[in-house]
Protein backbone atom coordinates (compact mmCIF):
# COMPACT_ATOMS: atom_id res chain seq x y z
CA MET A 1 68.79 65.94 79.28
CA LYS A 2 67.96 69.57 78.71
CA SER A 3 68.56 70.30 82.48
CA LYS A 4 72.02 68.66 82.25
CA LYS A 5 72.99 70.82 79.29
CA MET A 6 71.92 73.90 81.06
CA MET A 7 73.91 72.82 84.12
CA VAL A 8 77.10 72.36 82.07
CA VAL A 9 76.62 75.61 80.24
CA GLY A 10 75.97 77.28 83.56
CA PHE A 11 79.25 75.94 84.94
CA ILE A 12 81.20 77.24 81.98
CA SER A 13 79.58 80.62 82.32
CA ALA A 14 80.55 80.61 86.02
CA VAL A 15 84.20 79.95 84.98
CA SER A 16 83.99 82.81 82.54
CA ILE A 17 82.68 85.26 85.15
CA THR A 18 85.31 84.13 87.61
CA LEU A 19 88.03 84.72 85.04
CA ALA A 20 86.87 88.23 84.54
CA LEU A 21 86.75 88.88 88.22
CA SER A 22 89.95 87.03 89.13
CA THR A 23 92.12 90.07 89.27
CA THR A 24 89.90 91.80 91.78
CA LEU A 25 89.48 88.63 93.87
CA ILE A 26 93.23 87.95 94.03
CA ALA A 27 94.06 91.57 94.69
CA LYS A 28 91.87 91.63 97.77
CA ASN A 29 93.53 88.47 98.80
CA ASN A 30 90.20 86.74 99.30
CA THR A 31 89.38 89.01 102.40
CA ALA A 32 85.67 88.58 101.78
CA VAL A 33 86.02 84.81 101.89
CA GLN A 34 88.23 84.73 104.87
CA SER A 35 86.06 87.18 106.92
CA ALA A 36 83.11 84.89 106.60
CA GLU A 37 82.42 81.35 107.72
CA PRO A 38 83.42 78.75 105.00
CA SER A 39 80.46 77.88 102.76
CA LEU A 40 79.93 76.00 99.57
CA GLU A 41 79.75 79.06 97.54
CA ALA A 42 82.80 80.64 99.13
CA SER A 43 84.71 77.42 98.68
CA ARG A 44 83.77 77.33 94.95
CA LEU A 45 84.87 80.88 94.39
CA GLN A 46 88.14 80.22 96.16
CA SER A 47 88.79 77.09 94.13
CA LEU A 48 87.94 78.87 90.81
CA ALA A 49 90.29 81.76 91.83
CA LYS A 50 93.04 79.28 92.48
CA PHE A 51 92.47 77.77 89.02
CA THR A 52 92.41 81.18 87.39
CA LYS A 53 95.63 82.19 89.19
CA VAL A 54 97.44 79.10 87.89
CA LEU A 55 95.97 79.64 84.46
CA SER A 56 97.31 83.15 84.48
CA ILE A 57 100.85 82.05 85.52
CA VAL A 58 101.02 79.24 82.89
CA GLU A 59 99.84 81.62 80.16
CA GLN A 60 102.47 84.21 81.18
CA TYR A 61 105.55 81.96 81.78
CA ASN A 62 105.16 78.59 80.00
CA VAL A 63 107.96 78.13 77.53
CA ASP A 64 105.62 77.02 74.71
CA GLY A 65 103.61 80.23 74.80
CA LEU A 66 100.24 78.50 74.55
CA GLY A 67 97.09 80.70 74.11
CA ILE A 68 94.25 80.84 76.58
CA ASP A 69 91.94 78.64 74.42
CA GLN A 70 94.57 75.90 74.24
CA LEU A 71 95.22 76.09 78.03
CA ILE A 72 91.49 75.89 78.75
CA ASP A 73 91.12 72.85 76.45
CA LYS A 74 94.04 71.09 78.09
CA SER A 75 92.66 71.91 81.56
CA LEU A 76 89.26 70.33 80.57
CA GLN A 77 91.03 67.28 79.15
CA GLY A 78 92.98 66.82 82.35
CA MET A 79 90.07 67.29 84.63
CA LEU A 80 87.79 64.77 82.73
CA SER A 81 90.42 62.09 82.03
CA ASN A 82 91.29 62.07 85.78
CA LEU A 83 87.71 61.34 86.74
CA ASP A 84 87.59 57.89 85.17
CA ALA A 85 88.73 55.98 82.09
CA HIS A 86 85.61 56.84 80.04
CA SER A 87 85.07 60.52 80.71
CA THR A 88 86.73 62.97 78.29
CA PHE A 89 86.65 66.38 76.75
CA MET A 90 86.14 66.31 72.94
CA ASP A 91 87.50 69.10 70.81
CA LYS A 92 86.01 69.56 67.30
CA LYS A 93 88.20 66.72 65.83
CA SER A 94 87.21 64.21 68.54
CA PHE A 95 83.57 65.25 68.44
CA ASP A 96 83.37 64.81 64.69
CA SER A 97 85.05 61.36 65.05
CA LEU A 98 82.44 60.33 67.60
CA LYS A 99 79.60 61.43 65.25
CA SER A 100 81.08 59.53 62.36
CA GLN A 101 81.01 56.33 64.36
CA THR A 102 77.21 56.64 64.71
CA ASP A 103 76.83 56.69 60.95
CA GLY A 104 77.81 53.03 60.78
CA GLU A 105 80.72 53.54 58.33
CA PHE A 106 84.15 54.96 58.94
CA GLY A 107 87.82 54.53 58.07
CA GLY A 108 90.04 52.66 60.47
CA LEU A 109 91.07 49.26 61.88
CA GLY A 110 87.83 47.93 63.33
CA ILE A 111 88.67 47.60 67.04
CA THR A 112 87.00 48.90 70.12
CA VAL A 113 89.42 49.87 72.89
CA GLY A 114 89.19 50.84 76.59
CA MET A 115 91.39 51.56 79.55
CA ARG A 116 92.07 48.62 81.90
CA ASP A 117 94.51 49.22 84.80
CA ASN A 118 95.74 52.41 82.91
CA ALA A 119 96.58 50.37 79.83
CA LEU A 120 95.04 50.77 76.37
CA THR A 121 93.33 47.49 75.98
CA VAL A 122 91.42 45.93 73.08
CA ILE A 123 87.84 45.27 74.09
CA ALA A 124 87.04 43.47 70.90
CA PRO A 125 87.99 43.44 67.20
CA ILE A 126 84.92 43.91 64.91
CA GLU A 127 84.38 40.78 62.93
CA GLY A 128 85.66 40.88 59.33
CA THR A 129 87.57 44.13 59.76
CA PRO A 130 91.31 44.71 59.13
CA ALA A 131 92.21 44.26 62.79
CA ASP A 132 90.22 41.00 62.98
CA LYS A 133 91.84 39.64 59.87
CA ALA A 134 95.31 40.61 61.09
CA GLY A 135 94.79 38.61 64.29
CA ILE A 136 94.16 41.25 66.99
CA LYS A 137 92.42 39.69 69.90
CA ALA A 138 90.24 40.84 72.80
CA GLY A 139 92.40 41.56 75.85
CA ASP A 140 95.45 42.65 73.73
CA ILE A 141 97.30 45.64 75.31
CA ILE A 142 98.35 48.22 72.68
CA LEU A 143 101.85 49.27 73.70
CA LYS A 144 102.74 51.42 70.68
CA ILE A 145 100.81 52.99 67.68
CA ASN A 146 103.40 53.26 64.98
CA ASP A 147 106.34 54.70 66.99
CA LYS A 148 104.29 56.44 69.71
CA ALA A 149 103.98 54.78 73.10
CA THR A 150 100.49 54.71 74.56
CA LEU A 151 101.47 54.72 78.28
CA SER A 152 100.33 58.35 78.82
CA MET A 153 97.82 58.52 76.04
CA ASN A 154 94.10 58.87 76.50
CA ILE A 155 91.53 56.85 74.46
CA ASP A 156 90.52 59.67 72.14
CA ASP A 157 94.09 60.42 71.15
CA ALA A 158 94.75 56.71 70.51
CA VAL A 159 91.63 56.37 68.39
CA GLY A 160 92.68 59.48 66.46
CA LEU A 161 96.00 57.94 65.68
CA MET A 162 94.53 54.57 64.59
CA ARG A 163 92.10 56.21 62.30
CA GLY A 164 93.11 57.42 58.88
CA LYS A 165 92.43 57.26 55.22
CA PRO A 166 91.54 53.82 53.85
CA LYS A 167 94.36 51.77 52.35
CA THR A 168 96.94 53.50 54.42
CA PRO A 169 99.24 51.36 56.67
CA ILE A 170 99.61 51.36 60.46
CA ASP A 171 101.86 49.30 62.96
CA LEU A 172 100.56 48.24 66.33
CA THR A 173 102.86 46.82 68.94
CA ILE A 174 100.84 44.44 71.18
CA ILE A 175 101.38 42.84 74.52
CA ARG A 176 99.45 39.54 74.68
CA LYS A 177 98.90 37.27 77.68
CA GLY A 178 101.04 34.20 77.11
CA ALA A 179 103.27 35.67 74.55
CA ALA A 180 107.00 35.75 75.48
CA GLU A 181 107.54 39.10 73.87
CA PRO A 182 105.60 42.01 72.29
CA LEU A 183 103.99 41.30 68.88
CA LYS A 184 103.99 43.71 65.97
CA PHE A 185 101.04 43.84 63.51
CA HIS A 186 101.22 45.67 60.18
CA ILE A 187 97.58 46.47 59.21
CA ILE A 188 96.07 48.34 56.28
CA ARG A 189 93.22 50.65 57.29
CA ASP A 190 89.86 50.26 55.43
CA ILE A 191 86.25 51.55 55.51
CA ILE A 192 84.66 49.86 58.49
CA THR A 193 81.10 48.83 57.68
CA VAL A 194 79.53 46.70 60.45
CA GLU A 195 77.05 43.91 59.82
CA SER A 196 75.46 43.97 63.26
CA VAL A 197 73.19 40.94 63.04
CA TYR A 198 73.37 37.75 61.01
CA THR A 199 71.94 34.28 61.38
CA ARG A 200 72.88 30.62 60.65
CA THR A 201 71.20 27.28 61.28
CA ILE A 202 72.68 24.30 63.11
CA ASP A 203 71.19 20.87 62.49
CA ASP A 204 68.07 22.35 60.98
CA ASN A 205 66.39 23.19 64.29
CA ILE A 206 68.85 25.40 66.12
CA LEU A 207 68.80 29.07 65.26
CA TYR A 208 72.31 30.81 65.67
CA ILE A 209 72.10 34.58 65.92
CA ARG A 210 75.33 36.58 65.93
CA VAL A 211 75.21 40.18 67.21
CA THR A 212 78.50 42.05 66.62
CA SER A 213 77.49 45.38 68.06
CA PHE A 214 74.32 47.21 69.43
CA ASP A 215 73.49 49.73 66.74
CA LYS A 216 70.05 51.23 66.30
CA LYS A 217 68.56 48.29 64.21
CA VAL A 218 69.78 45.34 66.35
CA ALA A 219 66.39 44.53 68.17
CA THR A 220 64.40 44.87 64.93
CA ASP A 221 66.85 42.63 63.03
CA VAL A 222 66.92 39.92 65.68
CA LYS A 223 63.07 40.07 65.96
CA ALA A 224 62.82 39.60 62.20
CA ALA A 225 65.15 36.57 62.38
CA LEU A 226 63.19 34.98 65.18
CA LEU A 227 59.98 35.31 63.35
CA LYS A 228 61.47 34.05 60.04
CA HIS A 229 62.77 30.87 61.64
CA ALA A 230 59.98 30.31 64.29
CA ALA A 231 58.39 27.36 62.57
CA LYS A 232 61.60 25.24 62.43
CA SER A 233 63.55 26.38 65.45
CA LYS A 234 63.54 24.48 68.68
CA GLY A 235 66.41 26.37 70.41
CA ILE A 236 68.38 29.63 70.06
CA ILE A 237 72.07 30.37 70.40
CA LEU A 238 72.70 34.10 70.87
CA ASP A 239 76.40 34.84 70.14
CA LEU A 240 77.63 38.05 71.87
CA ARG A 241 81.35 37.24 71.85
CA ASN A 242 83.63 40.23 70.94
CA ASN A 243 80.59 42.45 71.07
CA PRO A 244 81.83 45.79 72.55
CA GLY A 245 78.32 47.13 73.23
CA GLY A 246 76.45 50.17 71.92
CA LEU A 247 73.02 51.59 72.50
CA LEU A 248 71.34 50.80 75.89
CA ASP A 249 67.74 50.83 74.51
CA GLN A 250 68.75 48.09 71.99
CA ALA A 251 70.16 45.92 74.83
CA VAL A 252 66.89 46.31 76.68
CA GLU A 253 64.66 45.66 73.59
CA LEU A 254 66.80 42.55 72.66
CA THR A 255 66.51 41.13 76.10
CA ASP A 256 62.69 41.87 76.15
CA LEU A 257 62.28 39.60 73.09
CA PHE A 258 63.20 36.61 75.32
CA VAL A 259 62.06 37.65 78.80
CA ASP A 260 58.44 37.90 79.93
CA GLU A 261 58.77 40.02 83.03
CA GLY A 262 61.16 41.44 85.62
CA VAL A 263 63.80 44.26 85.66
CA ILE A 264 66.32 43.93 82.90
CA VAL A 265 68.76 46.61 84.05
CA SER A 266 68.77 49.70 86.26
CA GLN A 267 71.18 52.63 86.35
CA LYS A 268 72.03 54.58 89.46
CA GLY A 269 73.89 57.89 89.63
CA ARG A 270 74.74 60.70 91.91
CA ASN A 271 71.59 62.52 91.13
CA LYS A 272 68.19 60.79 91.57
CA SER A 273 67.19 62.06 88.23
CA ASP A 274 69.78 59.77 86.69
CA ASP A 275 68.25 56.69 88.32
CA VAL A 276 66.22 54.61 85.77
CA SER A 277 64.88 51.12 85.75
CA TYR A 278 64.09 49.14 82.54
CA SER A 279 61.69 46.19 82.81
CA ALA A 280 60.56 43.42 80.51
CA THR A 281 56.95 43.43 79.04
CA LYS A 282 55.00 40.36 77.96
CA LYS A 283 53.68 41.98 74.83
CA ALA A 284 57.25 42.44 73.50
CA THR A 285 58.27 38.80 74.14
CA ILE A 286 58.17 36.59 71.07
CA CYS A 287 60.56 33.76 71.92
CA ARG A 288 60.25 31.35 74.77
CA LEU A 289 62.46 28.62 73.27
CA PRO A 290 65.53 27.30 75.12
CA LEU A 291 68.33 29.87 75.03
CA ILE A 292 72.11 29.75 75.11
CA VAL A 293 74.14 33.10 75.27
CA LEU A 294 77.84 32.92 74.20
CA VAL A 295 80.22 35.55 75.76
CA ASN A 296 83.91 36.15 76.14
CA GLU A 297 86.52 38.69 77.27
CA GLY A 298 85.41 40.92 74.38
CA SER A 299 81.79 41.13 75.49
CA ALA A 300 81.23 44.50 77.06
CA SER A 301 78.65 47.03 78.09
CA ALA A 302 75.32 46.41 76.32
CA SER A 303 76.19 42.74 75.62
CA GLU A 304 76.94 42.30 79.38
CA ILE A 305 73.53 43.83 80.17
CA VAL A 306 71.79 41.24 77.93
CA SER A 307 73.77 38.25 79.17
CA GLY A 308 73.68 39.35 82.82
CA ALA A 309 69.91 39.89 82.70
CA ILE A 310 69.20 36.55 81.08
CA GLN A 311 71.40 34.87 83.64
CA ASP A 312 69.84 36.69 86.69
CA LEU A 313 66.32 36.03 85.37
CA LYS A 314 67.12 32.32 84.82
CA ARG A 315 65.93 32.62 81.13
CA GLY A 316 68.97 30.98 79.61
CA VAL A 317 72.46 29.38 80.08
CA ILE A 318 75.54 31.67 79.66
CA VAL A 319 78.44 29.87 78.04
CA GLY A 320 82.06 31.03 77.47
CA ALA A 321 84.51 33.25 79.39
CA THR A 322 84.07 36.13 81.88
CA THR A 323 83.16 39.32 80.10
CA PHE A 324 85.13 42.61 80.02
CA GLY A 325 83.36 44.48 82.97
CA LYS A 326 82.22 47.84 81.66
CA GLY A 327 79.11 48.78 83.65
CA SER A 328 79.21 52.62 83.61
CA VAL A 329 76.87 54.99 81.85
CA GLN A 330 78.24 57.85 79.76
CA VAL A 331 76.44 60.79 78.23
CA VAL A 332 77.70 63.18 75.62
CA MET A 333 76.88 66.77 76.42
CA PRO A 334 77.64 69.47 73.72
CA ILE A 335 79.16 72.61 75.25
CA THR A 336 79.45 74.51 71.99
CA ASP A 337 78.39 73.77 68.43
CA VAL A 338 81.63 71.82 67.76
CA GLU A 339 82.77 70.63 71.18
CA ALA A 340 81.34 68.31 73.85
CA ILE A 341 82.22 66.36 77.00
CA LYS A 342 81.59 62.68 77.54
CA LEU A 343 80.82 62.15 81.27
CA THR A 344 80.22 59.10 83.37
CA ILE A 345 76.89 59.84 85.22
CA ALA A 346 75.81 56.39 86.60
CA ARG A 347 76.56 52.65 86.77
CA TYR A 348 74.43 49.83 85.52
CA TYR A 349 73.02 47.23 87.86
CA LEU A 350 71.67 43.74 86.84
CA PRO A 351 68.26 42.41 88.08
CA SER A 352 69.85 40.83 91.15
CA GLY A 353 71.42 44.23 92.10
CA ARG A 354 74.95 43.36 91.21
CA THR A 355 77.18 45.62 89.21
CA ILE A 356 79.29 44.58 86.21
CA GLN A 357 81.82 47.34 86.54
CA ALA A 358 85.31 45.96 86.63
CA VAL A 359 83.74 42.51 87.42
CA GLY A 360 81.98 41.36 84.37
CA VAL A 361 79.59 38.47 83.91
CA VAL A 362 80.85 35.04 84.94
CA PRO A 363 79.36 32.33 82.66
CA ASP A 364 77.23 29.49 84.04
CA VAL A 365 79.51 27.13 82.03
CA GLU A 366 83.05 28.43 81.56
CA VAL A 367 84.73 27.29 78.39
CA ASP A 368 88.07 28.57 77.07
CA ALA A 369 88.23 29.52 73.34
CA GLY A 370 90.02 27.02 71.01
CA GLU A 371 89.62 24.17 68.60
CA ILE A 372 88.79 20.50 69.25
CA LYS A 373 91.75 18.37 68.29
CA LYS A 374 90.64 15.24 66.46
CA HIS A 375 92.67 12.18 65.65
CA GLU A 376 91.97 10.42 62.35
CA ASN A 377 90.53 6.97 62.66
CA ASN A 378 92.53 4.22 60.95
CA PHE A 379 91.07 2.94 57.81
CA ASN A 380 90.33 -0.49 59.38
CA ILE A 381 88.57 -2.77 56.85
CA LYS A 382 89.48 -6.41 56.39
CA GLU A 383 91.28 -7.07 53.09
CA SER A 384 88.58 -9.59 52.07
CA ASP A 385 85.86 -6.79 52.32
CA LEU A 386 87.99 -4.01 50.85
CA LYS A 387 87.09 -4.47 47.18
CA LYS A 388 83.34 -4.74 47.88
CA HIS A 389 83.52 -1.66 50.03
CA LEU A 390 85.35 0.38 47.49
CA GLU A 391 82.91 -0.69 44.74
CA LYS A 392 80.06 0.62 46.78
CA GLU A 393 81.73 3.85 47.47
CA LEU A 394 82.44 4.34 43.69
CA GLU A 395 78.70 4.07 43.02
CA LYS A 396 78.02 7.04 45.24
CA VAL A 397 80.61 9.32 43.56
CA ASP A 398 78.58 10.43 40.63
CA GLY A 399 75.88 11.86 42.80
CA MET A 400 78.05 13.54 45.45
CA ILE A 401 78.19 17.23 46.04
CA ASP A 402 81.54 18.91 46.38
CA VAL A 403 81.68 19.50 50.07
CA THR A 404 84.43 22.11 49.89
CA GLU A 405 82.49 24.16 47.36
CA ALA A 406 79.29 23.69 49.23
CA ASN A 407 80.70 24.88 52.53
CA ALA A 408 82.37 27.83 50.84
CA THR A 409 79.19 29.07 49.25
CA ASN A 410 76.54 28.12 51.77
CA LYS A 411 76.69 30.67 54.53
CA THR A 412 73.32 29.85 56.03
CA ILE A 413 74.45 26.83 58.04
CA ILE A 414 77.18 25.88 60.51
CA THR A 415 78.71 22.54 59.75
CA LYS A 416 80.13 19.94 62.15
CA GLU A 417 83.62 20.73 60.80
CA GLN A 418 83.07 24.38 61.72
CA LEU A 419 81.93 23.42 65.29
CA THR A 420 85.12 21.57 65.79
CA LYS A 421 86.97 24.82 65.29
CA ASP A 422 84.99 26.65 67.94
CA ILE A 423 84.86 24.80 71.22
CA GLN A 424 82.64 27.42 72.94
CA LEU A 425 80.00 27.17 70.24
CA LYS A 426 80.15 23.36 70.17
CA GLU A 427 79.72 23.33 73.97
CA GLY A 428 76.67 25.65 73.53
CA VAL A 429 75.20 23.42 70.85
CA GLY A 430 75.54 20.44 73.27
CA ILE A 431 73.77 22.27 76.03
CA ILE A 432 70.94 23.60 73.93
CA LYS A 433 70.26 20.06 72.57
CA ALA A 434 69.93 18.84 76.16
CA LEU A 435 67.61 21.78 76.97
CA ILE A 436 65.47 20.94 73.81
CA ILE A 437 65.14 17.34 75.01
CA THR A 438 64.24 18.36 78.45
CA LYS A 439 61.64 20.87 77.20
CA GLY A 440 60.11 18.10 74.92
CA LYS A 441 59.50 15.98 77.98
CA GLU A 442 57.60 18.72 79.89
């Protein structure tokens, strides 16, 4: 990482030197370059001279009278944003915003966004946040933020507009697949505090683990949950739906909890020094129970690494919908004390060698999101038996627990009623039960 920083600083220094020498170079009409055979160094100087000439013209004649600092910042923004959807130049405001995200608490809506086909797209709403409660969904395209169209807006500018003081309002105009016309959402910003890992139990012997994002404690928290429930659990459901990703090392460590051996993920870049491979180790593996992983369109980056590795290594069954498809590696390189660039330096590759960039992970069992529609059974008891039946039911009433109250307060279990409202989870439960039976026969 130190060498990368030096490389970037060196490039900026080269630009500064070229700026200082530009007048001389232009005055000589590049005679030195023209008289020699083209070379990489000559080409670089020629290109930098061209940039400097344009910069000088814009500074002198542009109607808005922008200063040299502003023009350089805009040049860097343009250069990086044209590389790919995830590379960007961060000024002080953007850099501070990025650092605040790593603190785990910030003011905003609670959505992760990305660029898909040049459209500002919701990767996933964070569970329990204002955006999630308002009904924003993965795959939604943000057409307008308040009255500003997003068509020519970069991600950092969009995030900057959506963030703000808690309890302040914002309007998002959304295009949603299947909707006849754009939808408008009025949302109140709030402090976003993310609970990255929580657990529930299903039928006493299935452990449900929900991971909402990959922060620095995810692997530790999941390991603690697995150890706590080890005695009673016969199967695991790992829910990565609407998980926009996060730290690579946490994705690797989480996968290693379930996988004995093999490559989990590798990254390959332009420079060999950027090529890295991460493998599982037996000593880190603590769970060999049947495993289901739930994914959807909002599962991206680190969550795609986990689900893709588990799929390639035949360690579990992936259930749900095809994931977002973000398989590129970005690093943040400070260029001053208050500014930085975020640059794509490599792409992720799963154990089989396939990439997830713009493709995603296709589940083993594809299930669309939704509820299970149930029809009420007719109360079909013969009239002669009705009185006796009701008398028996009355005897049970005194000892009954209020199901509504119990379900509202007990957040450690997932009930059958809750499963009917989540067809992807219900399908996962059905498959894990079959795997538990199969494992029991081995």
